[in-house]
Amino acid sequence: MIGHRTTRQRTAITALLDDLDDFRSAQQVHLLLRDQGQEIGLATVYRTLGAMAAAGELDTLRTESGESLFRRCERPDRHHHHLVCRTCGRTVEVQGPNLETMVRAIGSEHGFVDIEHTLELFGTCADCARA
């Protein structure tokens, strides 16, 4: 990524997240890296995840308790939302053209322009519902 140094730590975090399908906290990423034998500080993990999210390389969602979770973005070039299983954490990226229309209409109704938003929908996936 332009403007970001490619460090050993950033490379390790990127490789780890490439192998994960679900969202993980900075603490979880740190523990997984340590389990792999990586020498990396928790502050470095937080800083790197934040920079990667700001650069659009990671999806971020905030839990009900306020903790930020991260995962590699499947569609970094397209605006999307997430459907997340409350039980197992399985996440599906979804698009909602009707939602985008609604967001613009709400903004317009109140005199706002250049609206940005994020949306995470939480539910129970079919596998967890059957269990």
Protein backbone atom coordinates (compact mmCIF):
# COMPACT_ATOMS: atom_id res chain seq x y z
CA MET A 1 0.00 0.00 0.00
CA ILE A 2 1.32 3.41 -0.92
CA GLY A 3 2.29 5.49 2.10
CA HIS A 4 2.70 2.52 4.41
CA ARG A 5 5.96 0.84 5.21
CA THR A 6 5.98 -2.87 4.63
CA THR A 7 7.30 -4.17 7.92
CA ARG A 8 7.76 -7.70 9.19
CA GLN A 9 4.88 -7.13 11.60
CA ARG A 10 2.53 -5.79 8.93
CA THR A 11 3.39 -8.72 6.67
CA ALA A 12 2.70 -11.19 9.51
CA ILE A 13 -0.65 -9.56 10.34
CA THR A 14 -1.68 -9.50 6.68
CA ALA A 15 -0.76 -13.18 6.22
CA LEU A 16 -2.68 -14.17 9.35
CA LEU A 17 -5.81 -12.25 8.35
CA ASP A 18 -5.65 -13.71 4.83
CA ASP A 19 -6.16 -17.14 6.43
CA LEU A 20 -9.12 -16.12 8.62
CA ASP A 21 -12.74 -15.81 7.50
CA ASP A 22 -14.23 -14.17 10.56
CA PHE A 23 -13.71 -10.98 12.50
CA ARG A 24 -11.04 -10.95 15.22
CA SER A 25 -10.09 -8.49 17.92
CA ALA A 26 -6.61 -7.01 18.17
CA GLN A 27 -6.03 -9.18 21.24
CA GLN A 28 -7.03 -12.32 19.32
CA VAL A 29 -4.77 -11.37 16.41
CA HIS A 30 -1.93 -10.77 18.86
CA LEU A 31 -2.41 -14.17 20.53
CA LEU A 32 -2.57 -15.99 17.19
CA LEU A 33 0.62 -14.30 16.04
CA ARG A 34 2.38 -15.16 19.30
CA ASP A 35 1.19 -18.78 18.91
CA GLN A 36 2.90 -18.77 15.50
CA GLY A 37 6.12 -17.65 17.16
CA GLN A 38 5.92 -14.04 15.98
CA GLU A 39 7.60 -11.49 18.24
CA ILE A 40 5.14 -8.62 18.09
CA GLY A 41 3.76 -6.23 20.67
CA LEU A 42 0.07 -5.69 21.28
CA ALA A 43 0.45 -1.94 20.67
CA THR A 44 1.97 -2.70 17.26
CA VAL A 45 -0.98 -4.96 16.43
CA TYR A 46 -3.46 -2.24 17.41
CA ARG A 47 -1.58 0.43 15.44
CA THR A 48 -1.20 -1.77 12.35
CA LEU A 49 -4.82 -2.93 12.34
CA GLY A 50 -5.96 0.69 12.68
CA ALA A 51 -3.77 1.82 9.79
CA MET A 52 -4.91 -1.07 7.61
CA ALA A 53 -8.57 -0.33 8.38
CA ALA A 54 -8.08 3.38 7.62
CA ALA A 55 -6.51 2.42 4.29
CA GLY A 56 -9.55 0.30 3.40
CA GLU A 57 -7.68 -3.00 3.61
CA LEU A 58 -9.77 -4.29 6.51
CA ASP A 59 -13.42 -4.40 7.40
CA THR A 60 -14.11 -3.22 10.93
CA LEU A 61 -17.12 -3.71 13.11
CA ARG A 62 -17.79 -2.72 16.68
CA THR A 63 -19.33 -5.18 19.11
CA GLU A 64 -22.11 -4.29 21.53
CA SER A 65 -19.42 -3.81 24.20
CA GLY A 66 -17.57 -1.33 21.96
CA GLU A 67 -14.65 -3.58 21.00
CA SER A 68 -13.38 -3.24 17.41
CA LEU A 69 -13.09 -6.39 15.34
CA PHE A 70 -11.19 -6.72 12.07
CA ARG A 71 -11.01 -8.96 9.02
CA ARG A 72 -9.64 -8.76 5.50
CA CYS A 73 -12.05 -7.02 3.18
CA GLU A 74 -13.37 -9.30 0.45
CA ARG A 75 -14.48 -6.34 -1.67
CA PRO A 76 -12.20 -3.43 -0.81
CA ASP A 77 -13.25 -1.54 -3.94
CA ARG A 78 -17.01 -1.72 -3.29
CA HIS A 79 -19.18 -0.32 -0.52
CA HIS A 80 -20.83 -3.17 1.36
CA HIS A 81 -22.36 -4.20 4.65
CA HIS A 82 -22.07 -7.27 6.88
CA LEU A 83 -24.44 -9.98 8.03
CA VAL A 84 -22.85 -11.50 11.15
CA CYS A 85 -23.82 -14.63 13.10
CA ARG A 86 -24.06 -13.84 16.82
CA THR A 87 -23.14 -17.41 17.71
CA CYS A 88 -20.19 -18.41 15.52
CA GLY A 89 -19.12 -15.07 14.03
CA ARG A 90 -19.59 -16.20 10.41
CA THR A 91 -19.78 -13.06 8.29
CA VAL A 92 -21.20 -12.47 4.83
CA GLU A 93 -20.60 -9.27 2.90
CA VAL A 94 -23.84 -7.95 1.41
CA GLN A 95 -24.87 -5.01 -0.71
CA GLY A 96 -28.13 -3.16 -0.36
CA PRO A 97 -29.07 -0.86 -3.24
CA ASN A 98 -32.41 -0.08 -1.56
CA LEU A 99 -30.54 0.82 1.61
CA GLU A 100 -28.25 3.19 -0.30
CA THR A 101 -31.32 4.93 -1.74
CA MET A 102 -32.85 5.18 1.74
CA VAL A 103 -29.63 6.65 3.19
CA ARG A 104 -29.50 9.35 0.50
CA ALA A 105 -33.20 10.13 1.02
CA ILE A 106 -32.79 10.46 4.81
CA GLY A 107 -29.78 12.72 4.34
CA SER A 108 -31.58 14.85 1.77
CA GLU A 109 -34.66 15.13 3.99
CA HIS A 110 -32.47 16.71 6.67
CA GLY A 111 -30.30 18.80 4.33
CA PHE A 112 -27.24 16.54 4.50
CA VAL A 113 -24.98 15.62 1.58
CA ASP A 114 -21.93 13.40 1.17
CA ILE A 115 -23.34 10.79 3.57
CA GLU A 116 -21.10 7.96 4.75
CA HIS A 117 -22.34 4.99 6.74
CA THR A 118 -21.64 1.47 7.92
CA LEU A 119 -24.14 -1.26 8.67
CA GLU A 120 -23.79 -4.58 10.40
CA LEU A 121 -26.77 -6.90 10.67
CA PHE A 122 -26.56 -9.49 13.45
CA GLY A 123 -28.51 -12.73 13.46
CA THR A 124 -28.05 -16.48 13.67
CA CYS A 125 -26.73 -18.39 10.66
CA ALA A 126 -28.53 -21.52 9.41
CA ASP A 127 -25.84 -23.88 10.80
CA CYS A 128 -26.07 -22.40 14.29
CA ALA A 129 -29.88 -22.29 14.17
CA ARG A 130 -29.95 -26.05 13.40
CA ALA A 131 -27.54 -26.85 16.27
